[in-house]
Amino acid sequence: MRIKEEREKRQWTQDYLAETLNVSRQAISKWEVGSTYPDIDRLVQISNLFDITLDSLIKGDDSLKKSIVITKNAKAQTNVWEFMRITGWMMVIAIIYLVTKMIIAVFS
């Protein structure tokens, strides 16, 4: 992982890097083995600390690149069918139930 490379290049311990970034040593270890990844603010801090570009920090690590997911604003683009898929058919059943009760009430 790129973070480990840069840390070892400077002969820093995980403890030293953790203290510098104000995180736990366990966080550093998890980043280095790829079980978790730093948030974007921390990535910026790390790239500044190592004096490398954010692009180099991310693109230099294939596993980190794969973990970054870019999503569109789903709420702004949801159509009726997507809404029904997301909320499930429970909404349809509730509407049918309410309409049926109203019809029964009108004809009673």
C-alpha atoms as a PDB file:
ATOM      1  CA  MET A   1       0.000   0.000   0.000  1.00  0.00           C
ATOM      2  CA  ARG A   2       1.214   3.501  -0.797  1.00  0.00           C
ATOM      3  CA  ILE A   3       0.869   4.811   2.776  1.00  0.00           C
ATOM      4  CA  LYS A   4       3.145   2.061   4.060  1.00  0.00           C
ATOM      5  CA  GLU A   5       5.693   2.737   1.298  1.00  0.00           C
ATOM      6  CA  GLU A   6       5.855   6.425   2.126  1.00  0.00           C
ATOM      7  CA  ARG A   7       6.013   5.812   5.881  1.00  0.00           C
ATOM      8  CA  GLU A   8       8.826   3.279   5.539  1.00  0.00           C
ATOM      9  CA  LYS A   9      10.699   5.502   3.083  1.00  0.00           C
ATOM     10  CA  ARG A  10      10.890   8.080   5.874  1.00  0.00           C
ATOM     11  CA  GLN A  11      11.692   5.403   8.466  1.00  0.00           C
ATOM     12  CA  TRP A  12       8.654   6.390  10.516  1.00  0.00           C
ATOM     13  CA  THR A  13       6.921   3.975  12.848  1.00  0.00           C
ATOM     14  CA  GLN A  14       3.183   3.427  12.738  1.00  0.00           C
ATOM     15  CA  ASP A  15       3.036   5.056  16.173  1.00  0.00           C
ATOM     16  CA  TYR A  16       4.804   8.184  14.926  1.00  0.00           C
ATOM     17  CA  LEU A  17       2.525   8.509  11.894  1.00  0.00           C
ATOM     18  CA  ALA A  18      -0.555   7.870  14.033  1.00  0.00           C
ATOM     19  CA  GLU A  19       0.475  10.575  16.486  1.00  0.00           C
ATOM     20  CA  THR A  20       1.196  13.016  13.649  1.00  0.00           C
ATOM     21  CA  LEU A  21      -2.216  12.385  12.065  1.00  0.00           C
ATOM     22  CA  ASN A  22      -3.984  12.246  15.431  1.00  0.00           C
ATOM     23  CA  VAL A  23      -5.329   8.720  14.868  1.00  0.00           C
ATOM     24  CA  SER A  24      -4.689   5.364  16.509  1.00  0.00           C
ATOM     25  CA  ARG A  25      -1.841   3.082  15.502  1.00  0.00           C
ATOM     26  CA  GLN A  26      -4.506   0.477  14.702  1.00  0.00           C
ATOM     27  CA  ALA A  27      -6.024   2.859  12.123  1.00  0.00           C
ATOM     28  CA  ILE A  28      -2.632   3.167  10.416  1.00  0.00           C
ATOM     29  CA  SER A  29      -2.236  -0.605  10.429  1.00  0.00           C
ATOM     30  CA  LYS A  30      -5.707  -1.117   8.910  1.00  0.00           C
ATOM     31  CA  TRP A  31      -4.994   1.450   6.183  1.00  0.00           C
ATOM     32  CA  GLU A  32      -1.703  -0.242   5.365  1.00  0.00           C
ATOM     33  CA  VAL A  33      -3.194  -3.732   5.041  1.00  0.00           C
ATOM     34  CA  GLY A  34      -6.243  -2.419   3.191  1.00  0.00           C
ATOM     35  CA  SER A  35      -8.958  -3.523   5.609  1.00  0.00           C
ATOM     36  CA  THR A  36     -10.145   0.096   5.958  1.00  0.00           C
ATOM     37  CA  TYR A  37      -9.291   3.352   4.244  1.00  0.00           C
ATOM     38  CA  PRO A  38      -8.847   6.915   5.470  1.00  0.00           C
ATOM     39  CA  ASP A  39     -11.607   9.425   4.769  1.00  0.00           C
ATOM     40  CA  ILE A  40     -11.037  12.123   2.155  1.00  0.00           C
ATOM     41  CA  ASP A  41      -9.961  14.763   4.697  1.00  0.00           C
ATOM     42  CA  ARG A  42      -7.386  12.368   6.112  1.00  0.00           C
ATOM     43  CA  LEU A  43      -6.166  11.496   2.581  1.00  0.00           C
ATOM     44  CA  VAL A  44      -5.512  15.190   1.956  1.00  0.00           C
ATOM     45  CA  GLN A  45      -3.655  15.434   5.266  1.00  0.00           C
ATOM     46  CA  ILE A  46      -1.571  12.358   4.405  1.00  0.00           C
ATOM     47  CA  SER A  47      -0.717  13.637   0.915  1.00  0.00           C
ATOM     48  CA  ASN A  48       0.404  16.959   2.425  1.00  0.00           C
ATOM     49  CA  LEU A  49       2.438  15.207   5.096  1.00  0.00           C
ATOM     50  CA  PHE A  50       4.219  12.974   2.569  1.00  0.00           C
ATOM     51  CA  ASP A  51       4.478  15.847   0.074  1.00  0.00           C
ATOM     52  CA  ILE A  52       2.902  13.791  -2.696  1.00  0.00           C
ATOM     53  CA  THR A  53      -0.154  14.543  -4.766  1.00  0.00           C
ATOM     54  CA  LEU A  54      -3.498  13.179  -3.732  1.00  0.00           C
ATOM     55  CA  ASP A  55      -3.698  11.694  -7.208  1.00  0.00           C
ATOM     56  CA  SER A  56      -0.438   9.831  -6.652  1.00  0.00           C
ATOM     57  CA  LEU A  57      -1.540   8.664  -3.213  1.00  0.00           C
ATOM     58  CA  ILE A  58      -4.803   7.229  -4.545  1.00  0.00           C
ATOM     59  CA  LYS A  59      -3.711   6.073  -7.987  1.00  0.00           C
ATOM     60  CA  GLY A  60      -0.628   4.482  -6.527  1.00  0.00           C
ATOM     61  CA  ASP A  61      -2.880   2.119  -4.567  1.00  0.00           C
ATOM     62  CA  ASP A  62      -5.073  -0.129  -6.718  1.00  0.00           C
ATOM     63  CA  SER A  63      -7.083  -1.467  -3.778  1.00  0.00           C
ATOM     64  CA  LEU A  64      -7.898   2.072  -2.621  1.00  0.00           C
ATOM     65  CA  LYS A  65      -8.941   3.075  -6.143  1.00  0.00           C
ATOM     66  CA  LYS A  66     -11.357   0.160  -6.245  1.00  0.00           C
ATOM     67  CA  SER A  67     -12.889   1.098  -2.881  1.00  0.00           C
ATOM     68  CA  ILE A  68     -13.769   4.645  -3.953  1.00  0.00           C
ATOM     69  CA  VAL A  69     -17.351   4.719  -5.163  1.00  0.00           C
ATOM     70  CA  ILE A  70     -18.822   7.680  -6.994  1.00  0.00           C
ATOM     71  CA  THR A  71     -22.588   7.856  -6.748  1.00  0.00           C
ATOM     72  CA  LYS A  72     -25.090  10.153  -8.347  1.00  0.00           C
ATOM     73  CA  ASN A  73     -27.720  11.911  -6.300  1.00  0.00           C
ATOM     74  CA  ALA A  74     -30.331   9.167  -6.478  1.00  0.00           C
ATOM     75  CA  LYS A  75     -33.049  11.251  -4.815  1.00  0.00           C
ATOM     76  CA  ALA A  76     -32.962  13.881  -7.530  1.00  0.00           C
ATOM     77  CA  GLN A  77     -33.267  11.283 -10.297  1.00  0.00           C
ATOM     78  CA  THR A  78     -35.795   8.873  -8.807  1.00  0.00           C
ATOM     79  CA  ASN A  79     -38.783   8.215 -11.041  1.00  0.00           C
ATOM     80  CA  VAL A  80     -42.050   6.504 -10.070  1.00  0.00           C
ATOM     81  CA  TRP A  81     -40.835   3.003 -10.903  1.00  0.00           C
ATOM     82  CA  GLU A  82     -37.554   3.493  -9.068  1.00  0.00           C
ATOM     83  CA  PHE A  83     -39.455   4.845  -6.052  1.00  0.00           C
ATOM     84  CA  MET A  84     -41.687   1.766  -6.061  1.00  0.00           C
ATOM     85  CA  ARG A  85     -38.655  -0.493  -6.346  1.00  0.00           C
ATOM     86  CA  ILE A  86     -36.922   1.265  -3.446  1.00  0.00           C
ATOM     87  CA  THR A  87     -39.931   1.475  -1.127  1.00  0.00           C
ATOM     88  CA  GLY A  88     -41.209  -1.923  -2.140  1.00  0.00           C
ATOM     89  CA  TRP A  89     -44.698  -2.998  -2.959  1.00  0.00           C
ATOM     90  CA  MET A  90     -45.791  -2.315   0.624  1.00  0.00           C
ATOM     91  CA  MET A  91     -46.633   1.228  -0.450  1.00  0.00           C
ATOM     92  CA  VAL A  92     -48.866  -0.094  -3.253  1.00  0.00           C
ATOM     93  CA  ILE A  93     -50.658  -2.430  -0.857  1.00  0.00           C
ATOM     94  CA  ALA A  94     -51.244   0.421   1.615  1.00  0.00           C
ATOM     95  CA  ILE A  95     -52.697   2.652  -1.112  1.00  0.00           C
ATOM     96  CA  ILE A  96     -54.998  -0.110  -2.377  1.00  0.00           C
ATOM     97  CA  TYR A  97     -56.160  -0.720   1.181  1.00  0.00           C
ATOM     98  CA  LEU A  98     -56.936   2.959   1.775  1.00  0.00           C
ATOM     99  CA  VAL A  99     -58.765   3.352  -1.549  1.00  0.00           C
ATOM    100  CA  THR A 100     -60.805   0.222  -0.841  1.00  0.00           C
ATOM    101  CA  LYS A 101     -61.807   1.552   2.604  1.00  0.00           C
ATOM    102  CA  MET A 102     -62.843   4.883   1.045  1.00  0.00           C
ATOM    103  CA  ILE A 103     -64.964   3.163  -1.608  1.00  0.00           C
ATOM    104  CA  ILE A 104     -66.668   0.989   1.009  1.00  0.00           C
ATOM    105  CA  ALA A 105     -67.326   4.068   3.163  1.00  0.00           C
ATOM    106  CA  VAL A 106     -68.874   5.962   0.201  1.00  0.00           C
ATOM    107  CA  PHE A 107     -71.216   3.113  -0.781  1.00  0.00           C
ATOM    108  CA  SER A 108     -72.252   2.168   2.762  1.00  0.00           C
END
